[in-house]
N, C-alpha and C. Protein backbone atom coordinates (compact mmCIF):
# COMPACT_ATOMS: atom_id res chain seq x y z
N MET A 1 98.62 78.62 93.56
CA MET A 1 99.39 79.33 94.85
C MET A 1 100.50 79.07 94.66
N GLN A 2 101.74 79.79 94.42
CA GLN A 2 102.77 79.08 93.80
C GLN A 2 103.31 79.14 95.16
N ARG A 3 104.25 77.90 95.56
CA ARG A 3 105.59 78.21 97.04
C ARG A 3 106.71 78.74 97.19
N ARG A 4 106.88 79.73 97.67
CA ARG A 4 108.52 79.91 97.84
C ARG A 4 109.68 78.63 98.21
N SER A 5 110.70 78.91 97.49
CA SER A 5 112.14 77.43 97.55
C SER A 5 112.44 78.51 98.94
N ALA A 6 113.00 77.93 99.86
CA ALA A 6 113.65 78.29 101.08
C ALA A 6 114.67 79.51 100.80
N ASN A 7 115.21 79.38 99.57
CA ASN A 7 116.63 80.01 98.94
C ASN A 7 115.57 81.92 99.02
N ALA A 8 114.03 81.75 98.81
CA ALA A 8 113.89 82.94 98.01
C ALA A 8 113.79 83.53 98.61
N GLY A 9 113.57 85.37 99.16
CA GLY A 9 113.82 86.23 99.82
C GLY A 9 112.95 87.14 99.81
N TYR A 10 112.54 88.20 100.40
CA TYR A 10 111.61 89.20 99.82
C TYR A 10 111.64 89.99 99.21
N SER A 11 110.80 91.17 97.54
CA SER A 11 111.01 91.12 96.54
C SER A 11 111.02 92.97 97.30
N LEU A 12 111.80 93.33 96.61
CA LEU A 12 111.64 94.84 96.50
C LEU A 12 110.62 95.71 96.77
N ILE A 13 109.55 95.66 96.23
CA ILE A 13 108.12 96.05 96.27
C ILE A 13 107.56 95.35 98.06
N GLU A 14 107.37 94.15 98.21
CA GLU A 14 106.83 93.79 99.56
C GLU A 14 108.65 94.84 100.65
N LEU A 15 109.46 94.82 100.69
CA LEU A 15 109.97 95.60 101.07
C LEU A 15 110.09 97.77 101.45
N VAL A 16 109.77 97.83 100.14
CA VAL A 16 109.22 99.03 100.36
C VAL A 16 107.93 99.25 100.95
N ILE A 17 106.81 98.69 101.44
CA ILE A 17 105.80 98.98 101.34
C ILE A 17 106.08 98.66 103.12
N VAL A 18 106.64 97.44 103.51
CA VAL A 18 106.80 97.75 104.72
C VAL A 18 107.77 98.93 105.47
N LEU A 19 108.70 99.54 104.43
CA LEU A 19 109.49 100.53 105.30
C LEU A 19 108.56 101.96 105.11
N LEU A 20 107.96 102.29 104.27
CA LEU A 20 106.18 102.56 104.31
C LEU A 20 105.35 103.33 105.18
N VAL A 21 104.90 101.63 105.79
CA VAL A 21 103.87 101.84 106.50
C VAL A 21 104.81 102.25 108.93
N ILE A 22 106.11 101.51 108.53
CA ILE A 22 106.90 101.75 109.38
C ILE A 22 107.08 103.31 109.46
N GLY A 23 106.93 104.17 108.41
CA GLY A 23 107.32 105.96 107.97
C GLY A 23 105.74 106.64 108.49
N VAL A 24 105.25 105.83 107.64
CA VAL A 24 103.86 106.38 108.48
C VAL A 24 103.13 105.75 109.67
N LEU A 25 103.86 105.59 110.73
CA LEU A 25 103.74 105.20 112.50
C LEU A 25 104.70 105.59 112.74
N ALA A 26 105.55 106.07 112.58
CA ALA A 26 106.82 106.84 113.16
C ALA A 26 105.91 108.32 113.06
N GLY A 27 105.43 108.85 111.40
CA GLY A 27 105.01 109.97 111.05
C GLY A 27 103.78 110.00 112.48
N VAL A 28 103.14 109.34 112.77
CA VAL A 28 102.22 109.58 113.79
C VAL A 28 102.74 109.85 115.18
N ALA A 29 103.41 108.55 115.79
CA ALA A 29 103.94 108.88 116.81
C ALA A 29 104.55 109.78 117.00
N ALA A 30 105.41 110.64 116.57
CA ALA A 30 106.40 111.49 116.93
C ALA A 30 106.05 112.77 117.74
N PRO A 31 104.91 112.99 116.64
CA PRO A 31 104.41 114.56 117.42
C PRO A 31 103.34 114.17 118.72
N ARG A 32 103.60 113.25 119.00
CA ARG A 32 102.24 113.02 120.26
C ARG A 32 103.90 112.47 121.21
N LEU A 33 104.64 112.03 121.20
CA LEU A 33 106.28 112.08 121.48
C LEU A 33 106.33 113.34 122.45
N GLY A 34 106.31 114.14 121.25
CA GLY A 34 106.27 115.87 121.91
C GLY A 34 105.85 116.50 122.50
N GLU A 35 104.64 116.73 121.98
CA GLU A 35 103.51 116.60 123.17
C GLU A 35 103.63 116.42 124.48
N ALA A 36 103.60 114.90 124.94
CA ALA A 36 103.62 114.03 126.10
C ALA A 36 105.43 114.85 126.67
N SER A 37 106.06 115.22 126.12
CA SER A 37 107.07 115.54 126.63
C SER A 37 107.36 116.88 127.19
N ASP A 38 106.33 117.59 126.60
CA ASP A 38 105.60 119.35 126.79
C ASP A 38 105.18 118.75 128.18
N ALA A 39 104.46 117.91 128.58
CA ALA A 39 103.23 117.61 129.42
C ALA A 39 103.84 117.38 130.37
N ALA A 40 105.15 116.89 130.43
CA ALA A 40 105.77 116.52 131.36
C ALA A 40 106.51 117.79 131.64
N ALA A 41 106.88 118.50 131.07
CA ALA A 41 107.59 119.55 131.53
C ALA A 41 107.43 120.69 132.61
N VAL A 42 106.06 120.89 132.10
CA VAL A 42 104.72 121.60 132.47
C VAL A 42 104.98 121.08 134.32
N GLU A 43 104.16 119.69 134.41
CA GLU A 43 104.11 119.46 135.37
C GLU A 43 105.57 119.21 136.28
N ALA A 44 106.36 119.05 135.66
CA ALA A 44 107.08 119.18 136.74
C ALA A 44 107.66 120.43 137.51
N THR A 45 107.40 121.44 136.35
CA THR A 45 107.34 122.23 136.86
C THR A 45 106.26 123.26 137.81
N VAL A 46 105.04 122.82 137.74
CA VAL A 46 103.87 122.98 138.69
C VAL A 46 104.51 121.91 140.30
N GLN A 47 105.19 120.99 139.56
CA GLN A 47 105.53 120.41 141.04
C GLN A 47 106.37 120.71 141.86
N HIS A 48 107.78 121.56 141.00
CA HIS A 48 108.60 121.97 141.90
C HIS A 48 108.09 123.68 142.28
N LEU A 49 107.52 124.15 142.24
CA LEU A 49 106.66 125.66 141.77
C LEU A 49 106.18 125.20 143.68
N LYS A 50 105.34 124.53 143.66
CA LYS A 50 104.79 123.79 144.42
C LYS A 50 105.22 123.52 145.94
N THR A 51 106.67 122.80 145.66
CA THR A 51 107.25 122.04 146.75
C THR A 51 108.63 123.35 147.21
N ILE A 52 108.90 124.06 146.67
CA ILE A 52 109.46 125.37 146.46
C ILE A 52 108.77 126.60 147.96
N THR A 53 107.95 126.55 147.10
CA THR A 53 105.95 126.80 148.81
C THR A 53 106.98 126.90 149.63
N VAL A 54 106.37 125.28 149.72
CA VAL A 54 105.83 124.85 150.76
C VAL A 54 107.02 124.88 151.58
N ALA A 55 108.37 124.69 150.87
CA ALA A 55 109.64 124.73 152.10
C ALA A 55 109.84 126.31 152.65
N ALA A 56 109.21 126.52 151.38
CA ALA A 56 110.07 127.95 151.99
C ALA A 56 108.51 128.40 153.54
N GLU A 57 107.57 128.31 153.39
CA GLU A 57 106.94 128.43 154.56
C GLU A 57 107.09 127.61 155.34
N MET A 58 107.48 126.01 155.49
CA MET A 58 107.73 125.83 156.30
C MET A 58 108.89 126.54 156.99
N TYR A 59 109.69 126.63 156.39
CA TYR A 59 110.89 127.93 156.92
C TYR A 59 110.60 129.05 157.59
N ARG A 60 109.56 129.47 157.55
CA ARG A 60 109.01 130.78 157.61
C ARG A 60 108.39 130.29 159.30
N HIS A 61 107.05 129.10 158.63
CA HIS A 61 106.93 128.87 160.18
C HIS A 61 107.39 128.43 161.26
N GLU A 62 108.67 127.79 161.45
CA GLU A 62 109.76 127.66 162.19
C GLU A 62 110.24 128.93 162.37
N LEU A 63 110.78 129.51 161.64
CA LEU A 63 111.58 130.61 162.11
C LEU A 63 110.75 131.89 162.06
N GLY A 64 109.88 132.06 161.85
CA GLY A 64 109.25 133.89 161.53
C GLY A 64 109.75 134.09 160.15
N SER A 65 110.31 134.29 159.52
CA SER A 65 110.36 135.04 158.15
C SER A 65 110.96 134.14 156.71
N TRP A 66 110.84 135.03 155.70
CA TRP A 66 111.29 134.40 154.83
C TRP A 66 112.92 133.98 154.63
N PRO A 67 113.25 132.89 153.44
CA PRO A 67 114.25 132.44 153.75
C PRO A 67 115.21 133.60 152.92
N PRO A 68 116.94 134.10 153.38
CA PRO A 68 117.22 135.62 152.15
C PRO A 68 117.53 134.99 150.72
N GLY A 69 117.18 136.28 150.33
CA GLY A 69 117.49 136.52 148.25
C GLY A 69 118.84 135.11 148.57
N ALA A 70 119.64 134.80 147.43
CA ALA A 70 119.97 133.67 146.77
C ALA A 70 119.97 134.60 145.46
N LEU A 71 121.25 134.38 144.75
CA LEU A 71 121.29 134.98 143.06
C LEU A 71 120.50 133.21 142.18
N PRO A 72 120.30 133.52 140.60
CA PRO A 72 119.58 132.36 139.80
C PRO A 72 120.44 131.65 140.74
N GLY A 73 119.47 130.15 140.80
CA GLY A 73 120.38 129.22 140.42
C GLY A 73 121.03 128.33 141.61
N GLN A 74 120.69 128.67 142.53
CA GLN A 74 121.84 128.78 144.00
C GLN A 74 120.44 128.65 144.95
N MET A 75 120.96 127.95 145.71
CA MET A 75 119.04 127.58 147.04
C MET A 75 119.51 128.49 147.93
N PRO A 76 118.44 129.09 148.33
CA PRO A 76 118.01 130.36 149.65
C PRO A 76 119.34 129.77 150.71
N GLU A 77 119.96 130.39 151.89
CA GLU A 77 120.30 129.55 152.72
C GLU A 77 119.42 129.36 153.32
N GLY A 78 119.87 128.13 154.23
CA GLY A 78 118.35 127.41 155.44
C GLY A 78 117.36 126.64 154.76
N LEU A 79 116.79 126.93 153.77
CA LEU A 79 115.77 126.34 152.69
C LEU A 79 116.64 124.72 151.93
N ASP A 80 117.84 124.52 152.36
CA ASP A 80 118.56 122.89 152.16
C ASP A 80 117.99 122.40 152.69
N ALA A 81 117.14 122.68 154.02
CA ALA A 81 117.24 121.66 155.51
C ALA A 81 115.73 120.80 154.81
N TYR A 82 114.73 121.74 153.66
CA TYR A 82 113.59 121.46 153.29
C TYR A 82 113.84 120.99 152.01
N LEU A 83 114.11 121.13 151.21
CA LEU A 83 114.71 120.53 149.81
C LEU A 83 115.84 120.03 149.59
N ARG A 84 115.38 119.02 148.00
CA ARG A 84 116.36 118.20 148.35
C ARG A 84 117.78 119.33 147.68
N PRO A 85 119.02 119.06 147.37
CA PRO A 85 119.61 119.79 147.24
C PRO A 85 120.59 120.63 146.09
N ASP A 86 120.25 119.46 144.86
CA ASP A 86 119.91 120.77 143.70
C ASP A 86 119.03 121.52 142.54
N LEU A 87 117.54 121.02 143.37
CA LEU A 87 116.72 121.83 142.94
C LEU A 87 116.75 123.31 142.10
N PHE A 88 117.66 124.34 142.91
CA PHE A 88 117.33 125.48 142.40
C PHE A 88 118.78 125.41 141.30
N ALA A 89 120.18 123.96 141.22
CA ALA A 89 121.02 123.89 140.86
C ALA A 89 120.90 123.73 139.18
N ALA A 90 119.87 122.42 139.19
CA ALA A 90 119.28 121.82 138.52
C ALA A 90 118.48 123.29 136.90
N ALA A 91 118.84 123.23 135.97
CA ALA A 91 117.43 124.08 135.29
C ALA A 91 116.17 123.38 135.40
N CYS A 92 115.08 124.43 135.29
CA CYS A 92 114.25 124.21 135.39
C CYS A 92 113.69 123.92 133.97
N PRO A 93 112.67 123.06 134.16
CA PRO A 93 112.34 121.69 133.46
C PRO A 93 111.47 122.65 132.12
N VAL A 94 110.81 123.70 132.45
CA VAL A 94 110.18 124.40 130.70
C VAL A 94 111.50 125.63 130.05
N GLY A 95 112.93 125.76 131.29
CA GLY A 95 113.59 126.42 131.10
C GLY A 95 113.81 127.19 132.19
N GLY A 96 115.16 127.49 131.88
CA GLY A 96 116.05 129.12 132.61
C GLY A 96 115.83 128.37 134.08
N ARG A 97 116.34 128.88 135.02
CA ARG A 97 116.73 128.94 136.26
C ARG A 97 115.53 129.22 137.68
N TYR A 98 115.48 128.53 138.73
CA TYR A 98 114.73 128.86 139.46
C TYR A 98 115.71 130.39 140.40
N ASP A 99 114.98 131.53 140.96
CA ASP A 99 115.87 132.38 141.66
C ASP A 99 114.52 133.02 142.88
N TRP A 100 114.88 132.59 144.30
CA TRP A 100 114.75 132.96 145.27
C TRP A 100 115.09 134.56 145.53
N ASP A 101 113.58 135.49 145.84
CA ASP A 101 114.01 136.88 145.60
C ASP A 101 112.96 136.89 146.65
N GLY A 102 114.02 137.66 147.79
CA GLY A 102 113.69 138.46 149.19
C GLY A 102 113.99 137.80 150.67
N ALA A 103 113.46 138.26 151.50
CA ALA A 103 113.80 137.96 152.69
C ALA A 103 112.76 138.90 153.70
N GLY A 104 112.68 138.23 154.81
CA GLY A 104 112.19 139.36 156.17
C GLY A 104 110.85 138.97 155.50
N THR A 105 109.82 139.43 156.82
CA THR A 105 108.75 139.02 156.84
C THR A 105 107.54 139.58 155.63
N GLY A 106 107.90 140.10 154.69
CA GLY A 106 106.97 140.55 153.83
C GLY A 106 106.66 140.11 152.60
N THR A 107 106.22 140.31 151.56
CA THR A 107 106.24 140.11 149.73
C THR A 107 107.44 139.53 149.53
N VAL A 108 108.13 138.34 149.54
CA VAL A 108 108.83 137.52 148.32
C VAL A 108 108.57 137.13 147.30
N GLN A 109 109.30 136.50 146.23
CA GLN A 109 109.22 136.02 144.38
C GLN A 109 110.34 135.05 144.80
N LEU A 110 109.47 134.52 144.03
CA LEU A 110 110.30 133.16 142.95
C LEU A 110 109.72 132.99 141.53
N LYS A 111 111.10 133.20 141.27
CA LYS A 111 111.31 133.86 139.63
C LYS A 111 111.92 132.21 138.79
N ILE A 112 111.47 132.87 137.49
CA ILE A 112 111.90 131.56 136.41
C ILE A 112 112.83 132.23 135.98
N VAL A 113 113.91 132.59 135.51
CA VAL A 113 114.41 133.49 134.83
C VAL A 113 115.94 133.28 133.92
N GLY A 114 116.73 133.40 132.99
CA GLY A 114 117.23 133.34 132.25
C GLY A 114 117.03 132.87 131.20
N PRO A 115 117.30 133.30 130.09
CA PRO A 115 117.07 132.48 128.89
C PRO A 115 117.02 130.90 128.61
N GLY A 116 116.45 130.84 127.67
CA GLY A 116 115.73 129.58 127.24
C GLY A 116 114.37 128.96 127.90
N ALA A 117 113.60 129.91 128.84
CA ALA A 117 112.16 129.42 129.03
C ALA A 117 111.72 130.21 128.25
N ASP A 118 110.56 128.42 128.22
CA ASP A 118 109.37 128.54 127.54
C ASP A 118 107.96 128.99 127.66
N ALA A 119 108.30 130.40 127.39
CA ALA A 119 106.90 131.17 127.98
C ALA A 119 106.02 130.76 127.28
N ASP A 120 105.87 129.79 126.18
CA ASP A 120 104.05 129.44 125.88
C ASP A 120 103.65 128.02 126.87
N ALA A 121 104.69 127.79 128.07
CA ALA A 121 104.44 126.88 128.78
C ALA A 121 103.80 127.91 130.57
N PHE A 122 103.94 128.94 130.47
CA PHE A 122 103.07 129.24 131.61
C PHE A 122 101.67 129.82 131.83
N PRO A 123 101.14 130.10 130.81
CA PRO A 123 99.60 130.00 130.81
C PRO A 123 99.16 128.77 131.24
N GLU A 124 99.69 127.43 131.03
CA GLU A 124 99.42 125.69 131.89
C GLU A 124 99.55 125.98 132.72
N ILE A 125 100.73 127.02 133.49
CA ILE A 125 101.65 126.47 134.57
C ILE A 125 100.57 127.22 135.28
N ASP A 126 99.85 128.69 135.25
CA ASP A 126 99.35 129.80 135.67
C ASP A 126 97.80 128.71 136.07
N ALA A 127 97.50 128.02 134.61
CA ALA A 127 96.20 127.96 135.14
C ALA A 127 95.90 126.28 136.05
N ARG A 128 97.64 125.67 136.78
CA ARG A 128 97.21 124.32 137.34
C ARG A 128 97.57 125.23 138.41
N ILE A 129 98.34 126.00 139.14
CA ILE A 129 98.65 126.62 140.33
C ILE A 129 97.71 127.93 140.65
N ASP A 130 97.54 128.85 139.80
CA ASP A 130 96.56 129.70 139.75
C ASP A 130 95.48 130.17 138.78
N ASP A 131 95.35 131.36 139.21
CA ASP A 131 93.89 132.17 138.66
C ASP A 131 93.96 131.92 137.03
N GLY A 132 94.76 131.61 135.84
CA GLY A 132 95.01 130.80 135.12
C GLY A 132 94.95 132.04 133.83
N ASP A 133 94.87 133.13 134.02
CA ASP A 133 95.50 135.09 133.63
C ASP A 133 96.72 134.89 134.36
N LEU A 134 98.01 135.13 133.17
CA LEU A 134 99.25 135.87 133.88
C LEU A 134 98.92 137.18 133.83
N SER A 135 98.07 137.55 133.72
CA SER A 135 98.23 138.97 134.40
C SER A 135 97.61 139.59 135.78
N THR A 136 97.12 138.50 136.15
CA THR A 136 96.62 138.87 137.91
C THR A 136 97.10 137.37 139.13
N GLY A 137 97.11 137.88 140.31
CA GLY A 137 96.92 136.47 140.93
C GLY A 137 98.62 136.68 141.03
N VAL A 138 98.97 135.39 141.65
CA VAL A 138 99.94 135.11 142.19
C VAL A 138 101.18 134.84 141.15
N LEU A 139 100.71 133.86 140.52
CA LEU A 139 101.95 133.80 139.00
C LEU A 139 101.69 135.16 138.23
N SER A 140 102.71 135.45 137.29
CA SER A 140 102.36 136.50 136.74
C SER A 140 104.02 137.21 136.16
N THR A 141 103.32 137.28 134.59
CA THR A 141 103.95 138.01 134.22
C THR A 141 104.32 139.36 133.57
N ASN A 142 103.24 140.15 134.76
CA ASN A 142 103.73 141.63 134.46
C ASN A 142 104.79 142.27 135.41
N ALA A 143 105.62 143.26 133.85
CA ALA A 143 106.51 144.28 135.14
C ALA A 143 107.83 143.26 135.37
N LEU A 144 108.02 142.76 134.57
CA LEU A 144 108.96 142.06 135.05
C LEU A 144 110.37 142.74 135.12
N GLY A 145 111.50 141.86 134.86
CA GLY A 145 113.05 142.69 135.46
C GLY A 145 113.98 142.13 134.17
N VAL A 146 114.46 142.15 134.18
CA VAL A 146 116.43 141.93 132.85
C VAL A 146 115.66 140.26 133.08
N ASN A 147 115.92 140.09 132.10
CA ASN A 147 115.77 137.81 132.20
C ASN A 147 114.83 137.33 132.51
N GLU A 148 114.52 137.91 133.57
CA GLU A 148 112.72 137.61 134.37
C GLU A 148 111.90 137.17 133.34
N ARG A 149 111.41 136.15 133.25
CA ARG A 149 110.99 135.00 133.11
C ARG A 149 109.47 134.98 133.29
N LEU A 150 108.86 134.52 134.90
CA LEU A 150 107.62 134.63 135.61
C LEU A 150 107.91 134.79 136.81
N ARG A 151 106.92 135.18 137.53
CA ARG A 151 107.50 135.64 139.17
C ARG A 151 105.76 135.00 139.45
N MET A 152 106.61 134.33 141.36
CA MET A 152 105.00 133.71 142.18
C MET A 152 105.41 134.53 142.94
N ARG A 153 104.32 135.57 143.47
CA ARG A 153 104.22 136.32 144.78
C ARG A 153 103.64 135.14 145.79
N MET A 154 104.69 135.49 147.20
CA MET A 154 104.16 134.60 148.43
C MET A 154 104.04 136.07 149.46
N GLN A 155 103.74 136.02 150.22
CA GLN A 155 103.55 136.72 151.15
C GLN A 155 103.01 136.00 152.51
């Protein structure tokens, strides 16, 4: 076996092999990072929906009615005492914006509206919160209005 001198470097073949190994490792890791990002967005959306629901139920328990309706991306009046102020203003993690629709003592809806909402994430969100079927239950994609992507009903 020959010893390299102190001035010797790596051969072109050694460098190409190292770059190929790095490329293969990156090719294996990159799709998994995307999957983790999608799972994190679903989890964050599930937690947001649960948090908004609990806050609205606390509001209803204390004041006797649901919070008043608000425009998409705007916090319903009075709900800011129960939620962090930017929750409605920030984009939903799976895209779109949150929209609180309704007031009074009847049925109200929390919706995800607007372009950019990832409909592929909705079945997983429904499975985590409701019955796993977007055509039935509390979470639904049935009979949506213009720009509505997902609806959550509360009574």
